Amino acid sequence: MEHRDIPEGALPPPPPPDRLERMERILEGILGVMNQQAQQNQPPPVVIGEPARVGPISIKDFQKMKPPTFEGGIDGLKAYNWVQGMEKIFSVIQAQCPETHKVVLATYNFEGEAHRWWLQQREREQNMNWTRFKEMFYGKYFPQTLKDNKCTEFINLKQGNMTVSEYDKAFTDLSQFAPHMISTENLKARRFEEGLKDGLRKPIKMLRLPTYTDVLNVALMAETENEKPNTSGNEQRRQVSYVPPRNQGGSNPYKKQNTGTSGWSQGSSSGGNQNRPCGKCGKVHTGQCYRDAGACYKCGQVGHLMRNCTNAPRPGFVDRRATSMGSGFVPRPTATTSSAQSSRAKLDSGRRQGKMFAMTPGDSQNTNSVVSGSDA
């Protein structure tokens, strides 16, 4: 190869064409290998928003979710609840449950009369979707007449003797048949409010609560407060006053008597309690209870009973036995102790007086039993 000197400052001559082509092919091969390696190491692209494609759920897997069964019968509420239970499960398995497959899964849980009805309908109309199935199902087991009756029940619903919780449950069950009457929160709150009993409705209505939940919460709280015993308004305030004991048989007048209240009696600030019977003897009286103290009702002394009493009656004593039996009442004679008999004998001897009889001259002539005579 001939070597030529290149002048200073001049560019080298370009390489021959065949050499350039070889270099380009080499570079293209290197880039191709690098691209292949990059594609092998890169993960597959993810498409956002595309649902996973799975097959319809099997009946075996569907039955594991315990769907409700239906046996038939013209019972609108029962039929409505059965459809609601099915749609609750369908909302969970939407991707695995096309519209036509819903009918297959739901009707698998028909029994008795409902199953026989479905066999006839399936022959007439095949490949039925869920919307069409509900129309036919409600037409058979929940006709429009029953829907109108449920709507009327909701209109006339009142709390009555129900608790607020029971009334709320009935309100929720029936309101689904009259959605046009509770289309807004305000309408729902007013409708629930109107059905409450008078004792709850009137104070709650004045608050004008905006939502149904607010009305329900206030009604529950008011009901709880009404059930609590009134400890401030109706309870009588107890007043304590001291009743001095009587001087009983020379005993210490300041000695505490066993009256059950330690010498203190409980009264009331209101006058109405003065006419209440005593809790010990059942009689109406003021002050100390003689039965509780073991004292005589007549004289107020201890040691004997009223039927054996020979003492003078205490001031204000009225023998109710005499007034209740009439003027001819005679107290029943009772046995007394020897000491009481001796005391009565002494009292009678000291107070004994002579008896004198007065007669007229005509009386002595008209009887033969009169002994006449003169003093010597």
Protein backbone atom coordinates (compact mmCIF):
# COMPACT_ATOMS: atom_id res chain seq x y z
CA MET A 1 0.00 0.00 0.00
CA GLU A 2 1.41 3.29 -1.07
CA HIS A 3 1.90 5.75 1.74
CA ARG A 4 1.37 9.37 0.98
CA ASP A 5 2.39 12.28 3.13
CA ILE A 6 -0.56 14.47 4.25
CA PRO A 7 0.20 18.15 4.28
CA GLU A 8 -0.04 19.89 7.59
CA GLY A 9 -3.57 21.22 8.28
CA ALA A 10 -5.26 19.08 5.61
CA LEU A 11 -8.07 16.49 6.40
CA PRO A 12 -7.42 12.81 5.91
CA PRO A 13 -9.06 11.28 2.89
CA PRO A 14 -12.39 9.39 3.49
CA PRO A 15 -12.23 5.61 3.82
CA PRO A 16 -13.17 3.48 0.90
CA PRO A 17 -16.95 2.79 0.43
CA ASP A 18 -16.74 -0.93 1.22
CA ARG A 19 -15.19 -0.20 4.61
CA LEU A 20 -18.06 2.19 5.59
CA GLU A 21 -20.66 -0.36 4.74
CA ARG A 22 -18.97 -2.95 6.90
CA MET A 23 -18.93 -0.56 9.90
CA GLU A 24 -22.63 0.29 9.48
CA ARG A 25 -23.61 -3.36 9.44
CA ILE A 26 -21.63 -4.01 12.58
CA LEU A 27 -23.32 -1.13 14.41
CA GLU A 28 -26.78 -2.22 13.31
CA GLY A 29 -26.10 -5.73 14.60
CA ILE A 30 -25.01 -4.43 17.97
CA LEU A 31 -28.14 -2.23 18.30
CA GLY A 32 -30.37 -5.14 17.33
CA VAL A 33 -28.91 -7.36 20.05
CA MET A 34 -29.35 -4.61 22.65
CA ASN A 35 -33.00 -4.08 21.68
CA GLN A 36 -33.75 -7.79 21.97
CA GLN A 37 -32.22 -7.96 25.42
CA ALA A 38 -34.25 -4.91 26.55
CA GLN A 39 -37.51 -6.42 25.32
CA GLN A 40 -36.86 -9.70 27.09
CA ASN A 41 -36.25 -7.98 30.44
CA GLN A 42 -39.29 -5.61 30.16
CA PRO A 43 -42.56 -6.78 31.92
CA PRO A 44 -45.69 -7.12 29.80
CA PRO A 45 -47.76 -3.95 29.46
CA VAL A 46 -50.73 -3.48 31.83
CA VAL A 47 -54.00 -2.22 30.37
CA ILE A 48 -55.76 -0.03 32.95
CA GLY A 49 -59.54 -0.27 33.15
CA GLU A 50 -59.95 -3.63 31.43
CA PRO A 51 -61.72 -6.12 33.77
CA ALA A 52 -60.44 -9.58 34.28
CA ARG A 53 -62.15 -12.05 32.04
CA VAL A 54 -63.54 -14.91 34.07
CA GLY A 55 -66.23 -17.44 33.36
CA PRO A 56 -69.71 -17.49 34.93
CA ILE A 57 -69.89 -18.66 38.53
CA SER A 58 -70.94 -22.24 39.00
CA ILE A 59 -74.09 -23.24 40.86
CA LYS A 60 -71.96 -25.05 43.45
CA ASP A 61 -69.99 -21.89 44.26
CA PHE A 62 -73.17 -19.83 44.23
CA GLN A 63 -74.85 -22.10 46.77
CA LYS A 64 -71.93 -21.61 49.13
CA MET A 65 -73.14 -18.01 49.54
CA LYS A 66 -76.39 -19.36 51.06
CA PRO A 67 -78.98 -17.74 48.80
CA PRO A 68 -82.60 -17.64 50.04
CA THR A 69 -85.15 -20.17 48.81
CA PHE A 70 -88.71 -19.50 47.66
CA GLU A 71 -91.58 -21.96 47.85
CA GLY A 72 -94.35 -19.84 46.32
CA GLY A 73 -97.56 -18.45 47.77
CA ILE A 74 -99.19 -15.07 47.24
CA ASP A 75 -97.21 -13.17 49.84
CA GLY A 76 -95.95 -9.90 48.45
CA LEU A 77 -93.54 -9.06 51.24
CA LYS A 78 -92.02 -12.54 51.18
CA ALA A 79 -91.54 -12.41 47.40
CA TYR A 80 -90.04 -8.93 47.59
CA ASN A 81 -87.57 -9.95 50.26
CA TRP A 82 -86.51 -12.99 48.21
CA VAL A 83 -85.63 -10.81 45.20
CA GLN A 84 -83.75 -8.39 47.46
CA GLY A 85 -81.71 -11.25 48.91
CA MET A 86 -80.75 -12.50 45.44
CA GLU A 87 -79.73 -9.06 44.21
CA LYS A 88 -77.57 -8.63 47.29
CA ILE A 89 -75.49 -11.64 46.19
CA PHE A 90 -75.48 -10.58 42.52
CA SER A 91 -73.97 -7.22 43.49
CA VAL A 92 -70.90 -9.07 44.82
CA ILE A 93 -70.33 -11.36 41.81
CA GLN A 94 -71.17 -8.97 38.98
CA ALA A 95 -68.22 -10.03 36.78
CA GLN A 96 -69.16 -13.70 37.05
CA CYS A 97 -72.89 -13.31 36.65
CA PRO A 98 -74.32 -12.14 33.30
CA GLU A 99 -78.00 -11.17 33.13
CA THR A 100 -79.16 -14.49 31.75
CA HIS A 101 -77.03 -16.45 34.21
CA LYS A 102 -78.73 -14.63 37.12
CA VAL A 103 -82.02 -16.25 36.16
CA VAL A 104 -80.43 -19.71 36.15
CA LEU A 105 -78.89 -19.22 39.60
CA ALA A 106 -82.00 -17.66 41.15
CA THR A 107 -84.52 -20.20 39.86
CA TYR A 108 -82.30 -23.06 41.08
CA ASN A 109 -83.51 -22.05 44.57
CA PHE A 110 -87.21 -22.43 43.71
CA GLU A 111 -89.04 -25.17 45.57
CA GLY A 112 -92.55 -26.60 45.55
CA GLU A 113 -95.19 -24.54 43.77
CA ALA A 114 -92.68 -21.91 42.67
CA HIS A 115 -90.56 -24.52 40.91
CA ARG A 116 -93.59 -25.90 39.02
CA TRP A 117 -94.59 -22.40 37.95
CA TRP A 118 -91.08 -21.72 36.63
CA LEU A 119 -90.99 -24.91 34.55
CA GLN A 120 -94.05 -23.66 32.64
CA GLN A 121 -92.65 -20.16 32.14
CA ARG A 122 -89.25 -21.41 30.99
CA GLU A 123 -90.84 -23.37 28.14
CA ARG A 124 -92.73 -20.33 26.92
CA GLU A 125 -89.84 -17.85 27.02
CA GLN A 126 -86.22 -18.99 26.88
CA ASN A 127 -83.03 -16.97 27.38
CA MET A 128 -84.84 -14.60 29.73
CA ASN A 129 -82.79 -11.85 31.37
CA TRP A 130 -83.08 -10.76 34.98
CA THR A 131 -85.21 -7.67 34.34
CA ARG A 132 -87.82 -9.65 32.41
CA PHE A 133 -87.79 -12.37 35.04
CA LYS A 134 -88.62 -9.89 37.83
CA GLU A 135 -91.59 -8.56 35.86
CA MET A 136 -93.05 -12.03 35.50
CA PHE A 137 -92.20 -13.02 39.07
CA TYR A 138 -93.83 -9.94 40.63
CA GLY A 139 -96.84 -10.31 38.37
CA LYS A 140 -97.41 -13.76 39.85
CA TYR A 141 -96.44 -13.40 43.50
CA PHE A 142 -96.64 -9.66 44.16
CA PRO A 143 -99.42 -8.19 42.02
CA GLN A 144 -100.25 -4.50 41.93
CA THR A 145 -103.18 -4.91 44.32
CA LEU A 146 -100.87 -6.07 47.10
CA LYS A 147 -98.48 -3.22 46.35
CA ASP A 148 -101.33 -0.73 46.73
CA ASN A 149 -102.30 -2.32 50.04
CA LYS A 150 -98.77 -1.98 51.35
CA CYS A 151 -98.72 1.65 50.27
CA THR A 152 -101.98 2.25 52.14
CA GLU A 153 -100.53 0.59 55.25
CA PHE A 154 -97.60 2.98 55.09
CA ILE A 155 -99.89 6.00 54.79
CA ASN A 156 -101.91 4.92 57.85
CA LEU A 157 -98.92 3.78 59.91
CA LYS A 158 -98.95 5.13 63.49
CA GLN A 159 -96.78 4.30 66.47
CA GLY A 160 -99.66 3.47 68.80
CA ASN A 161 -98.50 1.04 71.48
CA MET A 162 -95.24 0.22 69.70
CA THR A 163 -91.87 1.39 70.95
CA VAL A 164 -89.87 3.79 68.80
CA SER A 165 -87.65 0.93 67.62
CA GLU A 166 -90.63 -1.20 66.61
CA TYR A 167 -92.25 1.74 64.85
CA ASP A 168 -89.01 2.48 62.98
CA LYS A 169 -88.81 -1.13 61.76
CA ALA A 170 -92.39 -1.04 60.45
CA PHE A 171 -91.70 2.35 58.85
CA THR A 172 -88.62 0.99 57.04
CA ASP A 173 -90.42 -2.16 55.83
CA LEU A 174 -93.43 -0.31 54.41
CA SER A 175 -91.70 2.79 53.06
CA GLN A 176 -90.08 0.79 50.25
CA PHE A 177 -93.55 0.32 48.72
CA ALA A 178 -94.18 4.08 48.65
CA PRO A 179 -90.89 5.65 47.51
CA HIS A 180 -92.69 8.69 46.08
CA MET A 181 -93.71 9.70 49.62
CA ILE A 182 -90.14 9.76 50.98
CA SER A 183 -88.28 11.00 47.90
CA THR A 184 -86.38 13.62 49.95
CA GLU A 185 -84.92 13.66 53.44
CA ASN A 186 -87.36 16.35 54.53
CA LEU A 187 -90.39 14.36 53.33
CA LYS A 188 -89.11 11.24 55.05
CA ALA A 189 -88.51 13.09 58.31
CA ARG A 190 -91.98 14.68 58.28
CA ARG A 191 -93.68 11.35 57.49
CA PHE A 192 -91.88 9.57 60.35
CA GLU A 193 -92.63 12.49 62.65
CA GLU A 194 -96.38 12.44 61.91
CA GLY A 195 -96.66 8.79 62.95
CA LEU A 196 -95.22 9.27 66.45
CA LYS A 197 -97.52 9.25 69.47
CA ASP A 198 -98.70 12.60 70.87
CA GLY A 199 -96.29 12.65 73.79
CA LEU A 200 -93.32 12.49 71.40
CA ARG A 201 -94.66 14.13 68.25
CA LYS A 202 -95.63 17.53 69.66
CA PRO A 203 -92.26 18.51 71.22
CA ILE A 204 -90.26 17.00 68.33
CA LYS A 205 -92.38 18.74 65.71
CA MET A 206 -91.48 22.12 67.20
CA LEU A 207 -87.77 21.43 66.56
CA ARG A 208 -88.27 21.05 62.78
CA LEU A 209 -85.40 18.58 62.47
CA PRO A 210 -84.18 18.39 58.84
CA THR A 211 -83.45 14.66 58.44
CA TYR A 212 -85.13 11.38 59.27
CA THR A 213 -82.10 10.25 61.29
CA ASP A 214 -82.30 13.34 63.50
CA VAL A 215 -85.98 12.74 64.23
CA LEU A 216 -85.32 9.08 65.06
CA ASN A 217 -82.46 9.87 67.45
CA VAL A 218 -84.44 12.54 69.32
CA ALA A 219 -87.47 10.23 69.58
CA LEU A 220 -85.33 7.44 71.06
CA MET A 221 -83.79 9.80 73.61
CA ALA A 222 -87.19 11.25 74.57
CA GLU A 223 -88.64 7.76 75.01
CA THR A 224 -85.74 6.77 77.27
CA GLU A 225 -86.19 9.87 79.41
CA ASN A 226 -89.94 9.28 79.75
CA GLU A 227 -89.33 5.74 81.01
CA LYS A 228 -87.08 6.94 83.84
CA PRO A 229 -88.79 7.44 87.26
CA ASN A 230 -89.44 11.07 88.11
CA THR A 231 -87.23 11.88 91.09
CA SER A 232 -87.81 15.62 91.19
CA GLY A 233 -91.37 16.60 90.32
CA ASN A 234 -93.64 13.90 91.74
CA GLU A 235 -91.54 12.65 94.63
CA GLN A 236 -92.56 14.18 97.91
CA ARG A 237 -89.78 15.98 99.71
CA ARG A 238 -89.23 14.42 103.07
CA GLN A 239 -89.24 16.70 106.10
CA VAL A 240 -87.90 15.63 109.47
CA SER A 241 -89.49 16.86 112.69
CA TYR A 242 -88.88 15.75 116.26
CA VAL A 243 -91.74 14.26 118.28
CA PRO A 244 -91.00 14.20 122.02
CA PRO A 245 -91.93 10.90 123.67
CA ARG A 246 -94.68 10.74 126.27
CA ASN A 247 -93.93 10.33 129.98
CA GLN A 248 -94.80 6.69 130.37
CA GLY A 249 -95.20 5.37 133.89
CA GLY A 250 -92.60 7.59 135.49
CA SER A 251 -89.88 6.58 133.03
CA ASN A 252 -87.38 9.04 131.72
CA PRO A 253 -89.31 11.33 129.31
CA TYR A 254 -86.15 11.95 127.30
CA LYS A 255 -85.33 8.27 126.86
CA LYS A 256 -85.40 7.29 123.20
CA GLN A 257 -88.38 5.09 122.37
CA ASN A 258 -88.22 2.23 119.90
CA THR A 259 -90.56 3.83 117.36
CA GLY A 260 -88.76 2.70 114.24
CA THR A 261 -87.68 6.30 113.52
CA SER A 262 -85.50 6.89 116.65
CA GLY A 263 -87.81 9.54 118.10
CA TRP A 264 -88.10 11.33 114.77
CA SER A 265 -91.11 11.23 112.47
CA GLN A 266 -91.04 11.83 108.79
CA GLY A 267 -93.62 14.13 107.36
CA SER A 268 -94.13 15.85 104.06
CA SER A 269 -93.96 19.43 103.00
CA SER A 270 -97.28 19.01 101.20
CA GLY A 271 -100.52 18.85 103.18
CA GLY A 272 -101.77 15.82 101.28
CA ASN A 273 -99.47 13.45 103.18
CA GLN A 274 -101.28 14.17 106.48
CA ASN A 275 -104.16 11.98 105.34
CA ARG A 276 -101.98 9.01 104.44
CA PRO A 277 -102.39 5.83 106.55
CA CYS A 278 -99.54 4.99 108.87
CA GLY A 279 -97.16 2.35 107.54
CA LYS A 280 -97.10 0.60 110.96
CA CYS A 281 -100.75 0.42 112.03
CA GLY A 282 -102.66 1.34 108.87
CA LYS A 283 -104.52 4.17 110.62
CA VAL A 284 -104.47 7.89 109.89
CA HIS A 285 -102.84 9.81 112.73
CA THR A 286 -100.17 12.37 113.44
CA GLY A 287 -97.17 12.15 115.70
CA GLN A 288 -96.00 8.93 117.32
CA CYS A 289 -97.47 5.56 116.32
CA TYR A 290 -98.87 3.82 119.42
CA ARG A 291 -98.77 0.36 117.87
CA ASP A 292 -95.11 0.76 116.95
CA ALA A 293 -94.35 1.95 120.52
CA GLY A 294 -96.46 -0.83 122.12
CA ALA A 295 -98.71 1.75 123.86
CA CYS A 296 -102.45 1.78 124.51
CA TYR A 297 -104.54 3.59 121.92
CA LYS A 298 -106.88 4.91 124.61
CA CYS A 299 -104.59 6.42 127.23
CA GLY A 300 -101.21 6.33 125.52
CA GLN A 301 -99.49 4.32 128.29
CA VAL A 302 -97.47 1.15 127.75
CA GLY A 303 -97.96 -2.21 129.46
CA HIS A 304 -101.53 -3.01 128.42
CA LEU A 305 -103.89 -2.93 125.48
CA MET A 306 -106.90 -0.70 124.89
CA ARG A 307 -109.40 -3.51 125.64
CA ASN A 308 -107.87 -3.88 129.15
CA CYS A 309 -107.45 -0.15 129.77
CA THR A 310 -109.04 1.32 132.93
CA ASN A 311 -107.39 4.73 132.67
CA ALA A 312 -108.98 7.93 131.55
CA PRO A 313 -108.83 8.44 127.78
CA ARG A 314 -106.23 10.77 126.37
CA PRO A 315 -107.35 14.12 124.91
CA GLY A 316 -108.86 13.74 121.46
CA PHE A 317 -109.45 9.95 121.76
CA VAL A 318 -112.56 8.69 119.98
CA ASP A 319 -113.67 5.09 120.39
CA ARG A 320 -114.38 4.21 116.76
CA ARG A 321 -115.90 0.92 117.80
CA ALA A 322 -118.75 2.65 119.54
CA THR A 323 -119.38 5.05 116.65
CA SER A 324 -119.27 2.27 114.08
CA MET A 325 -121.53 -0.19 116.04
CA GLY A 326 -124.10 2.39 117.13
CA SER A 327 -125.28 3.60 120.50
CA GLY A 328 -126.05 0.06 121.66
CA PHE A 329 -122.43 -1.06 121.54
CA VAL A 330 -121.25 -2.66 124.77
CA PRO A 331 -117.53 -3.39 125.10
CA ARG A 332 -116.72 -7.08 125.40
CA PRO A 333 -115.73 -8.08 128.94
CA THR A 334 -112.26 -9.46 129.07
CA ALA A 335 -110.15 -11.11 131.73
CA THR A 336 -107.67 -8.92 133.53
CA THR A 337 -104.67 -9.69 135.62
CA SER A 338 -104.82 -9.99 139.38
CA SER A 339 -103.06 -6.68 139.87
CA ALA A 340 -105.50 -4.92 137.56
CA GLN A 341 -108.48 -6.53 139.41
CA SER A 342 -107.16 -5.42 142.80
CA SER A 343 -106.61 -1.91 141.55
CA ARG A 344 -110.15 -1.77 140.17
CA ALA A 345 -111.56 -3.14 143.44
CA LYS A 346 -109.81 -0.43 145.45
CA LEU A 347 -111.07 2.19 143.05
CA ASP A 348 -114.63 0.89 143.23
CA SER A 349 -114.57 0.75 147.08
CA GLY A 350 -113.46 4.31 147.33
CA ARG A 351 -116.09 5.55 144.90
CA ARG A 352 -119.00 3.26 146.02
CA GLN A 353 -122.21 5.18 146.78
CA GLY A 354 -125.53 4.12 148.26
CA LYS A 355 -128.61 3.57 146.12
CA MET A 356 -131.91 5.27 146.85
CA PHE A 357 -135.34 4.42 145.44
CA ALA A 358 -138.26 6.86 145.40
CA MET A 359 -141.88 5.69 145.48
CA THR A 360 -145.22 7.44 145.44
CA PRO A 361 -148.16 6.50 147.71
CA GLY A 362 -149.99 5.02 144.78
CA ASP A 363 -147.12 2.64 144.03
CA SER A 364 -147.23 1.10 147.48
CA GLN A 365 -150.95 0.41 147.28
CA ASN A 366 -150.81 -1.16 143.83
CA THR A 367 -148.23 -3.83 144.67
CA ASN A 368 -148.21 -6.64 147.20
CA SER A 369 -144.40 -7.01 147.31
CA VAL A 370 -143.82 -3.84 149.29
CA VAL A 371 -142.99 -4.34 152.93
CA SER A 372 -144.00 -1.40 154.98
CA GLY A 373 -142.97 -0.62 158.51
CA SER A 374 -141.70 2.06 160.84
CA ASP A 375 -138.47 2.67 162.55
CA ALA A 376 -138.35 1.88 166.20
